N, C-alpha and C. Protein backbone atom coordinates (compact mmCIF):
# COMPACT_ATOMS: atom_id res chain seq x y z
N MET A 1 -3.89 9.68 -21.13
CA MET A 1 -4.47 9.63 -19.77
C MET A 1 -5.00 8.37 -19.35
N SER A 2 -5.24 7.62 -20.51
CA SER A 2 -5.67 6.33 -20.59
C SER A 2 -4.71 5.37 -20.06
N TRP A 3 -3.24 5.71 -20.44
CA TRP A 3 -2.07 4.79 -19.73
C TRP A 3 -2.02 4.59 -18.75
N ILE A 4 -2.02 5.93 -17.89
CA ILE A 4 -2.26 5.78 -16.38
C ILE A 4 -3.35 5.02 -15.96
N ARG A 5 -4.70 5.33 -16.35
CA ARG A 5 -5.84 4.43 -15.87
C ARG A 5 -5.30 2.83 -16.08
N SER A 6 -4.69 2.50 -17.48
CA SER A 6 -4.28 1.02 -17.58
C SER A 6 -3.21 0.48 -16.57
N MET A 7 -2.31 1.72 -16.15
CA MET A 7 -1.22 1.17 -15.15
C MET A 7 -1.72 0.82 -13.84
N VAL A 8 -2.68 1.66 -13.23
CA VAL A 8 -3.25 1.52 -12.02
C VAL A 8 -4.64 0.22 -12.12
N ALA A 9 -4.81 -0.06 -13.05
CA ALA A 9 -6.12 -0.90 -13.21
C ALA A 9 -5.79 -2.44 -12.54
N ASP A 10 -6.83 -3.02 -11.91
CA ASP A 10 -6.62 -4.61 -11.48
C ASP A 10 -6.90 -5.24 -12.98
N SER A 11 -6.16 -6.47 -12.74
CA SER A 11 -5.85 -7.34 -13.85
C SER A 11 -7.28 -7.95 -13.98
N ILE A 12 -8.03 -8.21 -12.68
CA ILE A 12 -9.18 -8.99 -12.90
C ILE A 12 -10.50 -8.45 -13.14
N ASN A 13 -10.75 -7.21 -12.78
CA ASN A 13 -11.99 -6.39 -13.59
C ASN A 13 -12.03 -5.16 -13.90
N ASP A 14 -10.43 -4.65 -13.95
CA ASP A 14 -10.27 -3.14 -14.96
C ASP A 14 -10.70 -2.49 -13.86
N SER A 15 -10.74 -2.35 -12.58
CA SER A 15 -10.97 -1.21 -11.62
C SER A 15 -9.55 -0.94 -10.99
N VAL A 16 -9.51 0.28 -10.61
CA VAL A 16 -8.66 0.93 -10.00
C VAL A 16 -7.94 0.10 -8.88
N SER A 17 -6.64 -0.48 -8.95
CA SER A 17 -6.33 -1.32 -7.82
C SER A 17 -5.62 -0.20 -6.59
N SER A 18 -6.02 -0.41 -5.53
CA SER A 18 -5.26 0.48 -4.27
C SER A 18 -3.93 0.00 -3.92
N LYS A 19 -3.50 -1.30 -4.12
CA LYS A 19 -2.45 -1.51 -3.91
C LYS A 19 -1.34 -1.05 -5.01
N ARG A 20 -1.49 -0.95 -5.93
CA ARG A 20 -0.97 -0.19 -7.53
C ARG A 20 -0.87 1.44 -6.89
N VAL A 21 -1.90 1.91 -6.39
CA VAL A 21 -1.88 3.25 -6.18
C VAL A 21 -1.00 3.46 -5.37
N VAL A 22 -1.17 2.99 -4.05
CA VAL A 22 0.00 3.09 -3.19
C VAL A 22 1.30 2.92 -3.23
N THR A 23 1.35 1.60 -4.11
CA THR A 23 2.90 1.45 -4.75
C THR A 23 3.64 2.44 -5.62
N ILE A 24 2.87 3.17 -6.36
CA ILE A 24 3.29 4.39 -7.20
C ILE A 24 3.68 5.44 -6.25
N PHE A 25 2.54 6.01 -5.45
CA PHE A 25 3.02 6.93 -4.69
C PHE A 25 4.01 6.84 -3.46
N ALA A 26 4.21 5.52 -3.30
CA ALA A 26 5.39 5.20 -2.31
C ALA A 26 6.92 5.41 -3.22
N PHE A 27 6.75 4.80 -4.49
CA PHE A 27 7.83 4.99 -4.91
C PHE A 27 8.56 6.44 -5.52
N ALA A 28 7.05 7.13 -5.79
CA ALA A 28 7.29 8.52 -6.06
C ALA A 28 8.06 9.35 -5.08
N LEU A 29 7.53 9.11 -3.74
CA LEU A 29 8.08 9.86 -2.72
C LEU A 29 9.52 9.11 -2.53
N CYS A 30 9.96 8.08 -2.61
CA CYS A 30 11.32 7.46 -2.50
C CYS A 30 11.80 8.22 -3.46
N SER A 31 11.37 8.42 -4.75
CA SER A 31 12.39 8.84 -5.94
C SER A 31 12.55 10.66 -5.37
N LEU A 32 11.54 10.99 -4.96
CA LEU A 32 11.88 12.66 -4.58
C LEU A 32 12.78 12.68 -3.23
N GLY A 33 12.63 11.71 -2.47
CA GLY A 33 13.61 11.77 -1.01
C GLY A 33 14.96 11.52 -2.06
N PHE A 34 15.05 10.95 -2.85
CA PHE A 34 16.50 10.32 -3.41
C PHE A 34 17.17 11.52 -3.73
N VAL A 35 16.42 12.45 -4.59
CA VAL A 35 16.54 13.43 -5.61
C VAL A 35 16.81 14.96 -4.95
N CYS A 36 16.06 14.68 -3.73
CA CYS A 36 16.49 16.02 -2.79
C CYS A 36 17.46 15.84 -1.98
N ASP A 37 17.92 14.72 -1.48
CA ASP A 37 19.29 14.06 -1.12
C ASP A 37 20.52 14.18 -2.02
N LEU A 38 20.36 14.14 -3.31
CA LEU A 38 21.20 14.09 -4.35
C LEU A 38 21.62 15.62 -4.45
N PHE A 39 20.42 16.42 -5.04
CA PHE A 39 20.81 17.71 -5.49
C PHE A 39 20.74 18.97 -4.24
N TRP A 40 19.70 18.65 -3.20
CA TRP A 40 19.62 20.01 -2.63
C TRP A 40 20.23 19.29 -0.88
N ASP A 41 20.62 18.65 -0.80
CA ASP A 41 21.32 18.14 0.59
C ASP A 41 20.38 18.03 1.38
N LEU A 42 18.90 18.03 0.98
CA LEU A 42 18.14 17.68 2.07
C LEU A 42 17.82 16.30 2.57
N LYS A 43 18.25 15.83 3.69
CA LYS A 43 18.37 14.62 4.21
C LYS A 43 16.92 14.11 4.80
N VAL A 44 16.68 12.95 4.41
CA VAL A 44 15.39 11.91 4.85
C VAL A 44 16.09 11.16 5.68
N GLY A 45 15.00 10.59 6.82
CA GLY A 45 15.47 9.72 7.66
C GLY A 45 15.82 8.57 7.14
N GLU A 46 16.79 7.56 7.69
CA GLU A 46 17.20 6.42 6.88
C GLU A 46 15.88 5.50 7.21
N ASN A 47 15.11 5.38 8.50
CA ASN A 47 14.06 4.63 8.45
C ASN A 47 12.87 4.68 7.89
N ILE A 48 12.57 6.02 7.50
CA ILE A 48 11.55 6.67 6.62
C ILE A 48 11.64 6.30 5.28
N TYR A 49 12.99 6.29 4.65
CA TYR A 49 13.33 6.00 3.31
C TYR A 49 13.27 4.33 3.21
N GLU A 50 13.71 3.74 4.51
CA GLU A 50 13.46 2.16 4.44
C GLU A 50 11.89 1.68 4.39
N GLY A 51 11.37 2.21 4.89
CA GLY A 51 9.93 2.01 5.39
C GLY A 51 9.41 2.20 4.00
N MET A 52 9.54 3.28 3.30
CA MET A 52 8.72 3.36 1.83
C MET A 52 9.28 2.41 1.23
N MET A 53 10.58 2.25 1.19
CA MET A 53 11.03 1.20 -0.01
C MET A 53 10.40 -0.09 0.39
N TYR A 54 10.26 -0.62 1.52
CA TYR A 54 9.93 -1.91 1.91
C TYR A 54 8.02 -1.77 0.99
N ILE A 55 7.22 -0.72 1.48
CA ILE A 55 6.18 -0.70 0.84
C ILE A 55 6.23 -0.77 -0.90
N VAL A 56 7.02 -0.17 -1.32
CA VAL A 56 7.40 -0.34 -2.57
C VAL A 56 7.28 -1.99 -3.18
N ILE A 57 8.68 -2.31 -2.45
CA ILE A 57 8.88 -3.78 -2.59
C ILE A 57 7.78 -4.55 -2.65
N ALA A 58 7.02 -4.81 -1.55
CA ALA A 58 5.89 -5.48 -1.10
C ALA A 58 5.01 -5.18 -2.14
N GLY A 59 4.54 -3.88 -2.27
CA GLY A 59 3.38 -3.40 -3.66
C GLY A 59 3.68 -4.06 -4.84
N LEU A 60 5.05 -4.20 -5.08
CA LEU A 60 5.40 -4.41 -6.65
C LEU A 60 5.21 -6.57 -6.67
N GLY A 61 5.45 -7.00 -5.03
CA GLY A 61 5.41 -8.44 -5.08
C GLY A 61 3.94 -8.67 -5.27
N PHE A 62 3.25 -8.01 -4.51
CA PHE A 62 1.90 -8.51 -4.67
C PHE A 62 1.23 -7.87 -6.04
N THR A 63 1.42 -7.07 -6.82
CA THR A 63 1.20 -7.06 -8.00
C THR A 63 1.51 -8.11 -9.14
N ALA A 64 2.81 -8.35 -8.83
CA ALA A 64 3.11 -9.51 -9.43
C ALA A 64 2.49 -10.81 -9.60
N SER A 65 2.19 -10.75 -8.05
CA SER A 65 1.48 -12.39 -7.95
C SER A 65 -0.16 -12.42 -8.61
N GLU A 66 -0.30 -11.06 -8.76
CA GLU A 66 -1.80 -10.97 -9.45
C GLU A 66 -1.87 -11.72 -10.73
N LYS A 67 -0.61 -11.94 -11.54
CA LYS A 67 -0.43 -12.43 -12.86
C LYS A 67 -0.37 -13.67 -12.76
N PHE A 68 -0.09 -14.30 -11.80
CA PHE A 68 -0.26 -15.75 -11.46
C PHE A 68 -1.48 -16.66 -11.02
N THR A 69 -2.48 -15.63 -10.72
CA THR A 69 -3.74 -16.23 -10.33
C THR A 69 -4.74 -16.60 -10.91
N LYS A 70 -5.47 -17.27 -11.04
CA LYS A 70 -6.86 -17.48 -11.97
C LYS A 70 -7.70 -16.56 -11.87
N LYS A 71 -8.01 -15.83 -12.72
CA LYS A 71 -9.11 -15.07 -12.81
C LYS A 71 -10.49 -15.57 -12.96
N GLU A 72 -11.58 -14.71 -12.30
CA GLU A 72 -12.79 -15.22 -11.80
C GLU A 72 -13.86 -16.01 -13.12
N ASN A 73 -13.27 -15.41 -14.29
CA ASN A 73 -13.97 -15.84 -15.35
C ASN A 73 -13.48 -17.01 -15.85
N GLU A 74 -12.32 -17.49 -15.58
CA GLU A 74 -11.81 -18.51 -16.16
C GLU A 74 -12.29 -19.99 -15.44
N LYS A 75 -12.86 -19.59 -14.14
CA LYS A 75 -12.95 -20.93 -13.29
C LYS A 75 -14.18 -21.60 -13.87
């Protein structure tokens, strides 16, 4: 269970990052939509799927940019 907390933890002060939670949730919904379309022929609207995909891409970009910023205790 600690690996889930470490996956959503902020790199600055180890608190839960809302960006990471939203990104993981959006990724799970995109994956669910893909699997439903693939196996059960349930169609997800193209605009809805692309919107969720853009949220995932932006969330990953913001999360990756946190690695290149200075931490507060390094100043």
